[in-house]
Amino acid sequence: MAKRRKVGNLLGLAVLSVLGQRPMHPYEIASALRGWGKDQDMAIKWGSLYTVVRNLDKHGFIAEVESVREGRRPERTVYRITDAGRAEMADWARELIGDPEPEFPRFRAGLSVLSVLHPDEAAELLRGRLSRLEGTVAAAEETLAGHLRQVPRLFLVEAEYDLAILRAEAAWIRALLAEFDSGSLPGLTEWRRFHETGEMPAELAELAERTGTPD
């Protein structure tokens, strides 16, 4: 179970990872995060960057080094990571890597109400999704191969993970569509009949009644 952290926003972890390289001011931090593609690894709300930096400073995970001024630009405070910040960053990484937590993708939410669609429409939508997924997989494979020629694999494992998830989803959809095509999907006949006649099959009505009744 995830622990309650003093700075729980994942942007805090991203900031610590950047400052782990060298001291920076917030504007540099934002540039580094964008340059490293951290906004593709986690949901980053850029408007909260300065709040996160202040909170990290407040709890001793980073510390001010100096304030600098360049030309007519406003004064900028440079921060460095502290020993406590490095320990927090490592502990946070251990939690994210070692402790699985439930996640709720939008596709899963859609699948949970798939029965509201006619089976033919559901199959058509799944085929369209599969086609787009296959294009995404091909592009991701090409991009990853290019990056691997320039960047050590250690720094691309998250991209490998994304690609593996995409491939797994595509394989699962193919298998499900094969059941649609062969008619072997359990309940397919009843599902189709319901959408074509409006009559709920007795076994499904009984299931809905049973699962909707509190103990």
N, C-alpha and C. Protein backbone atom coordinates (compact mmCIF):
# COMPACT_ATOMS: atom_id res chain seq x y z
N MET A 1 0.85 -1.20 0.00
CA MET A 1 0.00 0.00 0.00
C MET A 1 0.89 1.25 0.00
N ALA A 2 0.53 2.23 -0.86
CA ALA A 2 1.33 3.44 -0.96
C ALA A 2 1.27 4.21 0.35
N LYS A 3 2.43 4.71 0.75
CA LYS A 3 2.47 5.49 1.99
C LYS A 3 2.07 6.93 1.71
N ARG A 4 1.62 7.61 2.74
CA ARG A 4 1.25 9.02 2.60
C ARG A 4 2.53 9.84 2.67
N ARG A 5 2.87 10.50 1.57
CA ARG A 5 4.11 11.25 1.50
C ARG A 5 3.87 12.72 1.77
N LYS A 6 4.91 13.37 2.27
CA LYS A 6 4.81 14.80 2.58
C LYS A 6 4.54 15.61 1.32
N VAL A 7 5.14 15.18 0.21
CA VAL A 7 4.84 15.76 -1.10
C VAL A 7 4.44 14.59 -1.99
N GLY A 8 3.11 14.39 -2.15
CA GLY A 8 2.62 13.19 -2.82
C GLY A 8 2.44 13.33 -4.32
N ASN A 9 2.52 14.55 -4.85
CA ASN A 9 2.37 14.78 -6.27
C ASN A 9 3.55 14.17 -7.02
N LEU A 10 3.29 13.34 -8.03
CA LEU A 10 4.38 12.72 -8.78
C LEU A 10 5.31 13.74 -9.44
N LEU A 11 4.80 14.94 -9.63
CA LEU A 11 5.67 15.99 -10.15
C LEU A 11 6.83 16.22 -9.19
N GLY A 12 6.59 16.00 -7.89
CA GLY A 12 7.67 16.14 -6.91
C GLY A 12 8.78 15.16 -7.18
N LEU A 13 8.42 13.93 -7.54
CA LEU A 13 9.43 12.92 -7.87
C LEU A 13 10.21 13.34 -9.12
N ALA A 14 9.49 13.87 -10.10
CA ALA A 14 10.15 14.31 -11.33
C ALA A 14 11.13 15.43 -11.04
N VAL A 15 10.73 16.37 -10.17
CA VAL A 15 11.63 17.49 -9.82
C VAL A 15 12.87 16.96 -9.11
N LEU A 16 12.68 16.04 -8.19
CA LEU A 16 13.83 15.47 -7.49
C LEU A 16 14.78 14.77 -8.47
N SER A 17 14.21 14.07 -9.45
CA SER A 17 15.05 13.35 -10.41
C SER A 17 15.88 14.32 -11.24
N VAL A 18 15.32 15.47 -11.57
CA VAL A 18 16.05 16.47 -12.34
C VAL A 18 17.14 17.12 -11.50
N LEU A 19 16.78 17.50 -10.27
CA LEU A 19 17.76 18.14 -9.40
C LEU A 19 18.84 17.16 -8.95
N GLY A 20 18.56 15.86 -9.11
CA GLY A 20 19.58 14.87 -8.81
C GLY A 20 20.76 14.96 -9.78
N GLN A 21 20.56 15.65 -10.91
CA GLN A 21 21.63 15.82 -11.89
C GLN A 21 22.50 17.04 -11.57
N ARG A 22 21.83 18.17 -11.26
CA ARG A 22 22.56 19.38 -10.91
C ARG A 22 21.58 20.40 -10.37
N PRO A 23 22.04 21.42 -9.64
CA PRO A 23 21.15 22.48 -9.17
C PRO A 23 20.52 23.24 -10.35
N MET A 24 19.28 23.66 -10.18
CA MET A 24 18.58 24.42 -11.22
C MET A 24 17.55 25.33 -10.57
N HIS A 25 17.11 26.33 -11.34
CA HIS A 25 15.97 27.12 -10.91
C HIS A 25 14.71 26.55 -11.58
N PRO A 26 13.52 26.88 -11.09
CA PRO A 26 12.29 26.24 -11.60
C PRO A 26 12.11 26.30 -13.10
N TYR A 27 12.50 27.40 -13.73
CA TYR A 27 12.35 27.47 -15.19
C TYR A 27 13.22 26.41 -15.87
N GLU A 28 14.44 26.24 -15.37
CA GLU A 28 15.32 25.19 -15.93
C GLU A 28 14.74 23.82 -15.66
N ILE A 29 14.16 23.63 -14.47
CA ILE A 29 13.55 22.35 -14.13
C ILE A 29 12.47 22.00 -15.13
N ALA A 30 11.59 22.96 -15.44
CA ALA A 30 10.51 22.73 -16.40
C ALA A 30 11.07 22.38 -17.78
N SER A 31 12.11 23.10 -18.20
CA SER A 31 12.72 22.83 -19.51
C SER A 31 13.32 21.44 -19.55
N ALA A 32 13.98 21.03 -18.45
CA ALA A 32 14.59 19.71 -18.40
C ALA A 32 13.52 18.62 -18.43
N LEU A 33 12.44 18.82 -17.69
CA LEU A 33 11.37 17.83 -17.65
C LEU A 33 10.76 17.63 -19.04
N ARG A 34 10.56 18.74 -19.75
CA ARG A 34 10.01 18.63 -21.11
C ARG A 34 11.03 17.98 -22.04
N GLY A 35 12.27 18.38 -21.91
CA GLY A 35 13.31 17.83 -22.77
C GLY A 35 13.51 16.35 -22.59
N TRP A 36 13.35 15.88 -21.35
CA TRP A 36 13.53 14.46 -21.06
C TRP A 36 12.24 13.67 -21.28
N GLY A 37 11.16 14.35 -21.65
CA GLY A 37 9.90 13.65 -21.89
C GLY A 37 9.21 13.14 -20.64
N LYS A 38 9.49 13.78 -19.49
CA LYS A 38 8.87 13.31 -18.25
C LYS A 38 7.35 13.48 -18.26
N ASP A 39 6.86 14.43 -19.08
CA ASP A 39 5.42 14.63 -19.16
C ASP A 39 4.75 13.48 -19.91
N GLN A 40 5.53 12.58 -20.52
CA GLN A 40 4.98 11.38 -21.13
C GLN A 40 5.01 10.20 -20.17
N ASP A 41 5.77 10.34 -19.08
CA ASP A 41 5.90 9.26 -18.10
C ASP A 41 4.89 9.39 -16.97
N MET A 42 4.44 10.61 -16.71
CA MET A 42 3.50 10.85 -15.61
C MET A 42 2.68 12.09 -15.91
N ALA A 43 1.50 12.17 -15.30
CA ALA A 43 0.63 13.33 -15.51
C ALA A 43 1.23 14.53 -14.78
N ILE A 44 1.64 15.52 -15.53
CA ILE A 44 2.26 16.71 -14.95
C ILE A 44 1.36 17.91 -15.17
N LYS A 45 1.02 18.58 -14.07
CA LYS A 45 0.28 19.83 -14.15
C LYS A 45 1.30 20.97 -13.98
N TRP A 46 1.65 21.57 -15.12
CA TRP A 46 2.73 22.55 -15.09
C TRP A 46 2.41 23.73 -14.19
N GLY A 47 1.14 24.05 -14.04
CA GLY A 47 0.77 25.18 -13.21
C GLY A 47 1.08 24.99 -11.74
N SER A 48 1.31 23.73 -11.33
CA SER A 48 1.59 23.47 -9.92
C SER A 48 3.09 23.30 -9.65
N LEU A 49 3.93 23.54 -10.66
CA LEU A 49 5.37 23.32 -10.49
C LEU A 49 5.95 24.13 -9.34
N TYR A 50 5.64 25.42 -9.30
CA TYR A 50 6.23 26.27 -8.26
C TYR A 50 5.72 25.87 -6.87
N THR A 51 4.45 25.44 -6.79
CA THR A 51 3.92 24.97 -5.51
C THR A 51 4.64 23.72 -5.04
N VAL A 52 4.88 22.80 -5.97
CA VAL A 52 5.59 21.56 -5.64
C VAL A 52 7.02 21.87 -5.19
N VAL A 53 7.69 22.78 -5.90
CA VAL A 53 9.06 23.16 -5.53
C VAL A 53 9.08 23.75 -4.13
N ARG A 54 8.11 24.62 -3.84
CA ARG A 54 8.05 25.22 -2.49
C ARG A 54 7.82 24.16 -1.42
N ASN A 55 6.96 23.19 -1.72
CA ASN A 55 6.69 22.12 -0.74
C ASN A 55 7.90 21.23 -0.53
N LEU A 56 8.62 20.93 -1.60
CA LEU A 56 9.85 20.13 -1.46
C LEU A 56 10.86 20.88 -0.59
N ASP A 57 10.94 22.18 -0.79
CA ASP A 57 11.85 23.02 0.00
C ASP A 57 11.39 23.05 1.46
N LYS A 58 10.11 23.22 1.67
CA LYS A 58 9.55 23.29 3.02
C LYS A 58 9.87 22.03 3.83
N HIS A 59 9.83 20.87 3.18
CA HIS A 59 10.05 19.61 3.89
C HIS A 59 11.50 19.14 3.86
N GLY A 60 12.38 19.98 3.34
CA GLY A 60 13.81 19.67 3.40
C GLY A 60 14.32 18.73 2.34
N PHE A 61 13.53 18.49 1.28
CA PHE A 61 13.98 17.59 0.22
C PHE A 61 14.85 18.31 -0.80
N ILE A 62 14.70 19.62 -0.88
CA ILE A 62 15.58 20.44 -1.69
C ILE A 62 15.94 21.68 -0.86
N ALA A 63 16.95 22.39 -1.28
CA ALA A 63 17.37 23.58 -0.54
C ALA A 63 17.85 24.65 -1.51
N GLU A 64 17.67 25.91 -1.12
CA GLU A 64 18.13 27.02 -1.95
C GLU A 64 19.65 27.06 -1.98
N VAL A 65 20.18 27.34 -3.15
CA VAL A 65 21.62 27.50 -3.32
C VAL A 65 21.96 28.98 -3.45
N GLU A 66 21.22 29.64 -4.33
CA GLU A 66 21.46 31.06 -4.57
C GLU A 66 20.29 31.63 -5.36
N SER A 67 20.25 32.94 -5.44
CA SER A 67 19.29 33.63 -6.30
C SER A 67 20.08 34.35 -7.38
N VAL A 68 19.66 34.17 -8.62
CA VAL A 68 20.40 34.76 -9.74
C VAL A 68 19.47 35.64 -10.56
N ARG A 69 20.06 36.63 -11.22
CA ARG A 69 19.30 37.52 -12.09
C ARG A 69 20.05 37.63 -13.41
N GLU A 70 19.33 37.43 -14.52
CA GLU A 70 19.94 37.55 -15.84
C GLU A 70 19.28 38.71 -16.57
N GLY A 71 20.04 39.75 -16.78
CA GLY A 71 19.50 40.92 -17.46
C GLY A 71 18.32 41.51 -16.73
N ARG A 72 17.23 41.74 -17.45
CA ARG A 72 16.04 42.33 -16.85
C ARG A 72 15.05 41.27 -16.37
N ARG A 73 15.43 40.01 -16.45
CA ARG A 73 14.53 38.94 -16.00
C ARG A 73 14.38 38.98 -14.49
N PRO A 74 13.24 38.49 -13.98
CA PRO A 74 13.05 38.44 -12.52
C PRO A 74 14.10 37.55 -11.87
N GLU A 75 14.37 37.82 -10.63
CA GLU A 75 15.35 37.02 -9.88
C GLU A 75 14.84 35.58 -9.77
N ARG A 76 15.74 34.63 -9.95
CA ARG A 76 15.37 33.22 -9.91
C ARG A 76 16.17 32.50 -8.82
N THR A 77 15.48 31.66 -8.08
CA THR A 77 16.13 30.91 -7.01
C THR A 77 16.58 29.56 -7.53
N VAL A 78 17.83 29.25 -7.32
CA VAL A 78 18.40 27.96 -7.73
C VAL A 78 18.30 26.99 -6.55
N TYR A 79 17.87 25.77 -6.84
CA TYR A 79 17.71 24.75 -5.80
C TYR A 79 18.62 23.56 -6.08
N ARG A 80 19.00 22.89 -4.99
CA ARG A 80 19.74 21.62 -5.10
C ARG A 80 18.98 20.57 -4.31
N ILE A 81 19.21 19.31 -4.65
CA ILE A 81 18.59 18.22 -3.89
C ILE A 81 19.40 17.99 -2.61
N THR A 82 18.73 17.64 -1.53
CA THR A 82 19.42 17.37 -0.26
C THR A 82 19.56 15.85 -0.07
N ASP A 83 20.28 15.46 0.95
CA ASP A 83 20.40 14.03 1.25
C ASP A 83 19.03 13.43 1.55
N ALA A 84 18.19 14.20 2.28
CA ALA A 84 16.84 13.74 2.57
C ALA A 84 16.04 13.58 1.28
N GLY A 85 16.28 14.48 0.32
CA GLY A 85 15.60 14.40 -0.96
C GLY A 85 16.01 13.18 -1.76
N ARG A 86 17.31 12.86 -1.73
CA ARG A 86 17.77 11.66 -2.44
C ARG A 86 17.19 10.40 -1.80
N ALA A 87 17.11 10.39 -0.48
CA ALA A 87 16.52 9.23 0.21
C ALA A 87 15.04 9.10 -0.12
N GLU A 88 14.33 10.23 -0.16
CA GLU A 88 12.91 10.23 -0.51
C GLU A 88 12.71 9.75 -1.94
N MET A 89 13.54 10.22 -2.86
CA MET A 89 13.44 9.83 -4.26
C MET A 89 13.64 8.33 -4.42
N ALA A 90 14.65 7.77 -3.76
CA ALA A 90 14.92 6.34 -3.86
C ALA A 90 13.79 5.53 -3.23
N ASP A 91 13.27 5.98 -2.09
CA ASP A 91 12.19 5.26 -1.43
C ASP A 91 10.92 5.29 -2.28
N TRP A 92 10.67 6.42 -2.91
CA TRP A 92 9.50 6.57 -3.78
C TRP A 92 9.62 5.66 -4.99
N ALA A 93 10.82 5.58 -5.55
CA ALA A 93 11.04 4.69 -6.70
C ALA A 93 10.82 3.23 -6.30
N ARG A 94 11.29 2.85 -5.11
CA ARG A 94 11.07 1.48 -4.63
C ARG A 94 9.58 1.17 -4.54
N GLU A 95 8.82 2.14 -4.03
CA GLU A 95 7.38 1.94 -3.89
C GLU A 95 6.71 1.77 -5.25
N LEU A 96 7.05 2.64 -6.18
CA LEU A 96 6.41 2.59 -7.51
C LEU A 96 6.77 1.32 -8.26
N ILE A 97 8.01 0.86 -8.12
CA ILE A 97 8.46 -0.34 -8.83
C ILE A 97 7.97 -1.61 -8.14
N GLY A 98 8.01 -1.64 -6.82
CA GLY A 98 7.76 -2.89 -6.10
C GLY A 98 6.34 -3.13 -5.65
N ASP A 99 5.52 -2.08 -5.52
CA ASP A 99 4.17 -2.26 -4.97
C ASP A 99 3.11 -2.03 -6.04
N PRO A 100 2.52 -3.12 -6.56
CA PRO A 100 1.46 -2.94 -7.57
C PRO A 100 0.22 -2.30 -6.95
N GLU A 101 -0.36 -1.38 -7.68
CA GLU A 101 -1.60 -0.72 -7.25
C GLU A 101 -2.61 -0.78 -8.39
N PRO A 102 -3.91 -0.84 -8.06
CA PRO A 102 -4.92 -0.86 -9.13
C PRO A 102 -4.89 0.44 -9.93
N GLU A 103 -4.98 0.30 -11.25
CA GLU A 103 -5.06 1.47 -12.12
C GLU A 103 -6.33 1.32 -12.95
N PHE A 104 -6.87 2.43 -13.42
CA PHE A 104 -8.17 2.40 -14.07
C PHE A 104 -8.12 3.07 -15.44
N PRO A 105 -7.62 2.34 -16.46
CA PRO A 105 -7.57 2.90 -17.81
C PRO A 105 -8.98 3.14 -18.35
N ARG A 106 -9.12 4.10 -19.25
CA ARG A 106 -10.42 4.39 -19.86
C ARG A 106 -10.95 3.20 -20.66
N PHE A 107 -10.06 2.45 -21.30
CA PHE A 107 -10.49 1.30 -22.08
C PHE A 107 -11.18 0.27 -21.18
N ARG A 108 -10.63 0.06 -19.98
CA ARG A 108 -11.24 -0.88 -19.05
C ARG A 108 -12.65 -0.42 -18.67
N ALA A 109 -12.80 0.89 -18.46
CA ALA A 109 -14.12 1.42 -18.12
C ALA A 109 -15.10 1.16 -19.26
N GLY A 110 -14.64 1.34 -20.50
CA GLY A 110 -15.50 1.06 -21.64
C GLY A 110 -15.90 -0.40 -21.74
N LEU A 111 -14.93 -1.29 -21.50
CA LEU A 111 -15.22 -2.72 -21.55
C LEU A 111 -16.24 -3.12 -20.49
N SER A 112 -16.24 -2.41 -19.36
CA SER A 112 -17.16 -2.77 -18.28
C SER A 112 -18.62 -2.50 -18.65
N VAL A 113 -18.85 -1.69 -19.69
CA VAL A 113 -20.22 -1.42 -20.14
C VAL A 113 -20.38 -1.79 -21.62
N LEU A 114 -19.56 -2.72 -22.09
CA LEU A 114 -19.59 -3.12 -23.50
C LEU A 114 -20.97 -3.63 -23.91
N SER A 115 -21.69 -4.25 -22.98
CA SER A 115 -22.97 -4.87 -23.31
C SER A 115 -24.04 -3.86 -23.72
N VAL A 116 -23.84 -2.56 -23.47
CA VAL A 116 -24.85 -1.58 -23.87
C VAL A 116 -24.84 -1.37 -25.38
N LEU A 117 -23.80 -1.86 -26.05
CA LEU A 117 -23.71 -1.77 -27.51
C LEU A 117 -24.16 -3.07 -28.15
N HIS A 118 -24.64 -2.98 -29.37
CA HIS A 118 -24.94 -4.18 -30.15
C HIS A 118 -23.62 -4.90 -30.43
N PRO A 119 -23.61 -6.23 -30.39
CA PRO A 119 -22.34 -6.96 -30.61
C PRO A 119 -21.64 -6.58 -31.91
N ASP A 120 -22.42 -6.33 -32.97
CA ASP A 120 -21.80 -5.97 -34.25
C ASP A 120 -21.09 -4.63 -34.15
N GLU A 121 -21.72 -3.67 -33.45
CA GLU A 121 -21.08 -2.37 -33.27
C GLU A 121 -19.85 -2.50 -32.38
N ALA A 122 -19.95 -3.30 -31.32
CA ALA A 122 -18.82 -3.50 -30.43
C ALA A 122 -17.64 -4.09 -31.19
N ALA A 123 -17.92 -5.07 -32.04
CA ALA A 123 -16.85 -5.70 -32.82
C ALA A 123 -16.22 -4.70 -33.79
N GLU A 124 -17.06 -3.87 -34.41
CA GLU A 124 -16.55 -2.87 -35.36
C GLU A 124 -15.64 -1.87 -34.64
N LEU A 125 -16.06 -1.44 -33.47
CA LEU A 125 -15.25 -0.49 -32.70
C LEU A 125 -13.93 -1.13 -32.27
N LEU A 126 -13.98 -2.39 -31.88
CA LEU A 126 -12.76 -3.08 -31.47
C LEU A 126 -11.80 -3.25 -32.65
N ARG A 127 -12.36 -3.50 -33.84
CA ARG A 127 -11.51 -3.62 -35.03
C ARG A 127 -10.83 -2.28 -35.33
N GLY A 128 -11.59 -1.21 -35.20
CA GLY A 128 -11.01 0.11 -35.43
C GLY A 128 -9.92 0.42 -34.42
N ARG A 129 -10.18 0.07 -33.15
CA ARG A 129 -9.16 0.29 -32.12
C ARG A 129 -7.92 -0.53 -32.42
N LEU A 130 -8.12 -1.79 -32.83
CA LEU A 130 -6.98 -2.66 -33.11
C LEU A 130 -6.15 -2.10 -34.26
N SER A 131 -6.83 -1.59 -35.29
CA SER A 131 -6.10 -1.02 -36.43
C SER A 131 -5.23 0.16 -35.98
N ARG A 132 -5.80 1.02 -35.15
CA ARG A 132 -5.04 2.18 -34.67
C ARG A 132 -3.90 1.73 -33.74
N LEU A 133 -4.18 0.72 -32.93
CA LEU A 133 -3.14 0.19 -32.03
C LEU A 133 -1.97 -0.36 -32.83
N GLU A 134 -2.28 -1.08 -33.90
CA GLU A 134 -1.21 -1.67 -34.71
C GLU A 134 -0.33 -0.57 -35.32
N GLY A 135 -0.97 0.54 -35.73
CA GLY A 135 -0.19 1.66 -36.23
C GLY A 135 0.68 2.28 -35.15
N THR A 136 0.10 2.39 -33.94
CA THR A 136 0.85 2.95 -32.82
C THR A 136 2.03 2.05 -32.45
N VAL A 137 1.80 0.74 -32.45
CA VAL A 137 2.87 -0.21 -32.13
C VAL A 137 4.00 -0.09 -33.15
N ALA A 138 3.66 -0.04 -34.41
CA ALA A 138 4.69 0.05 -35.46
C ALA A 138 5.52 1.33 -35.28
N ALA A 139 4.84 2.45 -35.01
CA ALA A 139 5.55 3.71 -34.82
C ALA A 139 6.42 3.67 -33.58
N ALA A 140 5.88 3.08 -32.50
CA ALA A 140 6.64 2.99 -31.25
C ALA A 140 7.88 2.11 -31.42
N GLU A 141 7.73 1.03 -32.16
CA GLU A 141 8.88 0.14 -32.41
C GLU A 141 9.98 0.88 -33.17
N GLU A 142 9.57 1.65 -34.16
CA GLU A 142 10.56 2.39 -34.96
C GLU A 142 11.25 3.46 -34.11
N THR A 143 10.44 4.18 -33.30
CA THR A 143 11.01 5.23 -32.45
C THR A 143 11.97 4.65 -31.43
N LEU A 144 11.56 3.56 -30.79
CA LEU A 144 12.40 2.94 -29.77
C LEU A 144 13.71 2.44 -30.38
N ALA A 145 13.62 1.82 -31.55
CA ALA A 145 14.84 1.32 -32.20
C ALA A 145 15.80 2.47 -32.48
N GLY A 146 15.26 3.62 -32.90
CA GLY A 146 16.11 4.78 -33.16
C GLY A 146 16.76 5.30 -31.90
N HIS A 147 15.97 5.37 -30.82
CA HIS A 147 16.51 5.86 -29.55
C HIS A 147 17.58 4.93 -28.99
N LEU A 148 17.38 3.62 -29.19
CA LEU A 148 18.34 2.65 -28.65
C LEU A 148 19.71 2.78 -29.30
N ARG A 149 19.74 3.39 -30.47
CA ARG A 149 21.03 3.60 -31.14
C ARG A 149 21.78 4.78 -30.54
N GLN A 150 21.06 5.58 -29.72
CA GLN A 150 21.69 6.78 -29.17
C GLN A 150 21.71 6.82 -27.64
N VAL A 151 20.77 6.12 -27.02
CA VAL A 151 20.60 6.21 -25.56
C VAL A 151 20.70 4.82 -24.95
N PRO A 152 21.41 4.66 -23.83
CA PRO A 152 21.48 3.35 -23.17
C PRO A 152 20.08 2.82 -22.84
N ARG A 153 19.91 1.53 -22.97
CA ARG A 153 18.60 0.91 -22.76
C ARG A 153 18.03 1.20 -21.37
N LEU A 154 18.90 1.34 -20.38
CA LEU A 154 18.46 1.61 -19.01
C LEU A 154 17.53 2.81 -18.95
N PHE A 155 17.76 3.80 -19.82
CA PHE A 155 16.98 5.02 -19.79
C PHE A 155 15.78 4.97 -20.73
N LEU A 156 15.51 3.78 -21.28
CA LEU A 156 14.37 3.63 -22.19
C LEU A 156 13.43 2.51 -21.75
N VAL A 157 13.65 1.98 -20.54
CA VAL A 157 12.83 0.83 -20.12
C VAL A 157 11.35 1.20 -20.01
N GLU A 158 11.04 2.47 -19.68
CA GLU A 158 9.64 2.86 -19.60
C GLU A 158 8.99 2.83 -20.98
N ALA A 159 9.76 3.15 -22.03
CA ALA A 159 9.24 3.08 -23.40
C ALA A 159 9.04 1.61 -23.80
N GLU A 160 9.93 0.74 -23.36
CA GLU A 160 9.76 -0.70 -23.61
C GLU A 160 8.49 -1.21 -22.94
N TYR A 161 8.26 -0.73 -21.72
CA TYR A 161 7.05 -1.14 -20.99
C TYR A 161 5.80 -0.70 -21.75
N ASP A 162 5.78 0.56 -22.20
CA ASP A 162 4.64 1.06 -22.96
C ASP A 162 4.38 0.20 -24.18
N LEU A 163 5.45 -0.16 -24.87
CA LEU A 163 5.32 -0.97 -26.08
C LEU A 163 4.78 -2.36 -25.74
N ALA A 164 5.25 -2.93 -24.65
CA ALA A 164 4.77 -4.25 -24.23
C ALA A 164 3.29 -4.22 -23.90
N ILE A 165 2.83 -3.15 -23.24
CA ILE A 165 1.41 -3.01 -22.91
C ILE A 165 0.58 -2.88 -24.17
N LEU A 166 1.06 -2.08 -25.13
CA LEU A 166 0.34 -1.93 -26.40
C LEU A 166 0.23 -3.26 -27.14
N ARG A 167 1.33 -4.00 -27.18
CA ARG A 167 1.31 -5.30 -27.86
C ARG A 167 0.36 -6.27 -27.18
N ALA A 168 0.36 -6.26 -25.85
CA ALA A 168 -0.52 -7.15 -25.10
C ALA A 168 -1.98 -6.80 -25.34
N GLU A 169 -2.30 -5.52 -25.36
CA GLU A 169 -3.68 -5.10 -25.62
C GLU A 169 -4.11 -5.52 -27.02
N ALA A 170 -3.24 -5.31 -27.99
CA ALA A 170 -3.56 -5.69 -29.36
C ALA A 170 -3.80 -7.20 -29.47
N ALA A 171 -2.95 -7.99 -28.82
CA ALA A 171 -3.11 -9.44 -28.85
C ALA A 171 -4.42 -9.86 -28.20
N TRP A 172 -4.79 -9.21 -27.10
CA TRP A 172 -6.03 -9.55 -26.40
C TRP A 172 -7.24 -9.21 -27.26
N ILE A 173 -7.21 -8.05 -27.93
CA ILE A 173 -8.34 -7.67 -28.78
C ILE A 173 -8.47 -8.63 -29.96
N ARG A 174 -7.34 -9.04 -30.54
CA ARG A 174 -7.40 -10.01 -31.64
C ARG A 174 -8.08 -11.31 -31.18
N ALA A 175 -7.70 -11.77 -30.00
CA ALA A 175 -8.29 -13.01 -29.48
C ALA A 175 -9.78 -12.84 -29.23
N LEU A 176 -10.19 -11.68 -28.68
CA LEU A 176 -11.61 -11.44 -28.42
C LEU A 176 -12.38 -11.37 -29.73
N LEU A 177 -11.83 -10.69 -30.73
CA LEU A 177 -12.50 -10.60 -32.03
C LEU A 177 -12.63 -11.97 -32.69
N ALA A 178 -11.66 -12.84 -32.47
CA ALA A 178 -11.75 -14.20 -33.01
C ALA A 178 -12.96 -14.93 -32.42
N GLU A 179 -13.25 -14.66 -31.14
CA GLU A 179 -14.43 -15.26 -30.51
C GLU A 179 -15.72 -14.66 -31.07
N PHE A 180 -15.70 -13.36 -31.37
CA PHE A 180 -16.86 -12.74 -32.03
C PHE A 180 -17.10 -13.42 -33.38
N ASP A 181 -16.02 -13.55 -34.16
CA ASP A 181 -16.14 -14.07 -35.52
C ASP A 181 -16.59 -15.53 -35.55
N SER A 182 -16.10 -16.32 -34.60
CA SER A 182 -16.46 -17.74 -34.58
C SER A 182 -17.78 -18.01 -33.87
N GLY A 183 -18.28 -17.00 -33.14
CA GLY A 183 -19.51 -17.19 -32.39
C GLY A 183 -19.31 -17.93 -31.09
N SER A 184 -18.03 -18.08 -30.69
CA SER A 184 -17.74 -18.88 -29.48
C SER A 184 -17.72 -18.04 -28.21
N LEU A 185 -17.93 -16.72 -28.32
CA LEU A 185 -17.95 -15.87 -27.13
C LEU A 185 -19.15 -16.22 -26.27
N PRO A 186 -18.94 -16.65 -25.03
CA PRO A 186 -20.07 -17.01 -24.17
C PRO A 186 -21.08 -15.87 -24.03
N GLY A 187 -22.36 -16.16 -24.22
CA GLY A 187 -23.40 -15.15 -24.06
C GLY A 187 -23.65 -14.31 -25.29
N LEU A 188 -22.90 -14.55 -26.39
CA LEU A 188 -23.02 -13.71 -27.58
C LEU A 188 -24.43 -13.77 -28.17
N THR A 189 -25.01 -14.96 -28.23
CA THR A 189 -26.36 -15.12 -28.79
C THR A 189 -27.39 -14.34 -27.98
N GLU A 190 -27.30 -14.45 -26.64
CA GLU A 190 -28.23 -13.74 -25.76
C GLU A 190 -28.03 -12.22 -25.86
N TRP A 191 -26.81 -11.81 -25.95
CA TRP A 191 -26.47 -10.39 -26.09
C TRP A 191 -27.09 -9.82 -27.36
N ARG A 192 -26.92 -10.55 -28.46
CA ARG A 192 -27.47 -10.11 -29.74
C ARG A 192 -29.00 -10.07 -29.69
N ARG A 193 -29.59 -11.11 -29.11
CA ARG A 193 -31.05 -11.18 -29.03
C ARG A 193 -31.63 -10.02 -28.24
N PHE A 194 -30.94 -9.65 -27.14
CA PHE A 194 -31.42 -8.54 -26.32
C PHE A 194 -31.49 -7.25 -27.13
N HIS A 195 -30.43 -6.98 -27.93
CA HIS A 195 -30.41 -5.73 -28.69
C HIS A 195 -31.37 -5.76 -29.87
N GLU A 196 -31.70 -6.94 -30.33
CA GLU A 196 -32.58 -7.04 -31.49
C GLU A 196 -34.05 -7.16 -31.11
N THR A 197 -34.34 -7.62 -29.89
CA THR A 197 -35.73 -7.79 -29.47
C THR A 197 -36.11 -6.90 -28.28
N GLY A 198 -35.09 -6.43 -27.54
CA GLY A 198 -35.36 -5.63 -26.35
C GLY A 198 -35.73 -6.46 -25.15
N GLU A 199 -35.70 -7.77 -25.29
CA GLU A 199 -36.07 -8.66 -24.20
C GLU A 199 -34.81 -9.17 -23.49
N MET A 200 -34.76 -8.93 -22.20
CA MET A 200 -33.62 -9.39 -21.40
C MET A 200 -33.71 -10.90 -21.21
N PRO A 201 -32.68 -11.66 -21.60
CA PRO A 201 -32.70 -13.11 -21.36
C PRO A 201 -32.90 -13.41 -19.88
N ALA A 202 -33.66 -14.46 -19.58
CA ALA A 202 -34.02 -14.77 -18.20
C ALA A 202 -32.80 -14.94 -17.31
N GLU A 203 -31.75 -15.60 -17.83
CA GLU A 203 -30.57 -15.85 -17.01
C GLU A 203 -29.84 -14.55 -16.67
N LEU A 204 -29.84 -13.58 -17.64
CA LEU A 204 -29.19 -12.31 -17.38
C LEU A 204 -30.02 -11.46 -16.41
N ALA A 205 -31.34 -11.52 -16.55
CA ALA A 205 -32.21 -10.79 -15.63
C ALA A 205 -32.04 -11.31 -14.21
N GLU A 206 -31.91 -12.63 -14.10
CA GLU A 206 -31.72 -13.24 -12.78
C GLU A 206 -30.37 -12.82 -12.20
N LEU A 207 -29.34 -12.80 -13.05
CA LEU A 207 -28.01 -12.40 -12.59
C LEU A 207 -28.02 -10.95 -12.12
N ALA A 208 -28.68 -10.07 -12.90
CA ALA A 208 -28.74 -8.66 -12.53
C ALA A 208 -29.47 -8.47 -11.21
N GLU A 209 -30.54 -9.23 -11.02
CA GLU A 209 -31.32 -9.14 -9.79
C GLU A 209 -30.50 -9.64 -8.59
N ARG A 210 -29.77 -10.73 -8.81
CA ARG A 210 -29.00 -11.32 -7.71
C ARG A 210 -27.84 -10.44 -7.31
N THR A 211 -27.11 -9.92 -8.30
CA THR A 211 -25.94 -9.10 -7.98
C THR A 211 -26.32 -7.70 -7.50
N GLY A 212 -27.54 -7.27 -7.81
CA GLY A 212 -27.96 -5.94 -7.37
C GLY A 212 -28.64 -5.91 -6.04
N THR A 213 -28.78 -7.09 -5.43
CA THR A 213 -29.45 -7.18 -4.12
C THR A 213 -28.43 -7.20 -3.01
N PRO A 214 -28.50 -6.27 -2.05
CA PRO A 214 -27.53 -6.27 -0.94
C PRO A 214 -27.69 -7.48 -0.06
N ASP A 215 -26.59 -7.90 0.55
CA ASP A 215 -26.65 -9.05 1.46
C ASP A 215 -27.43 -8.71 2.72
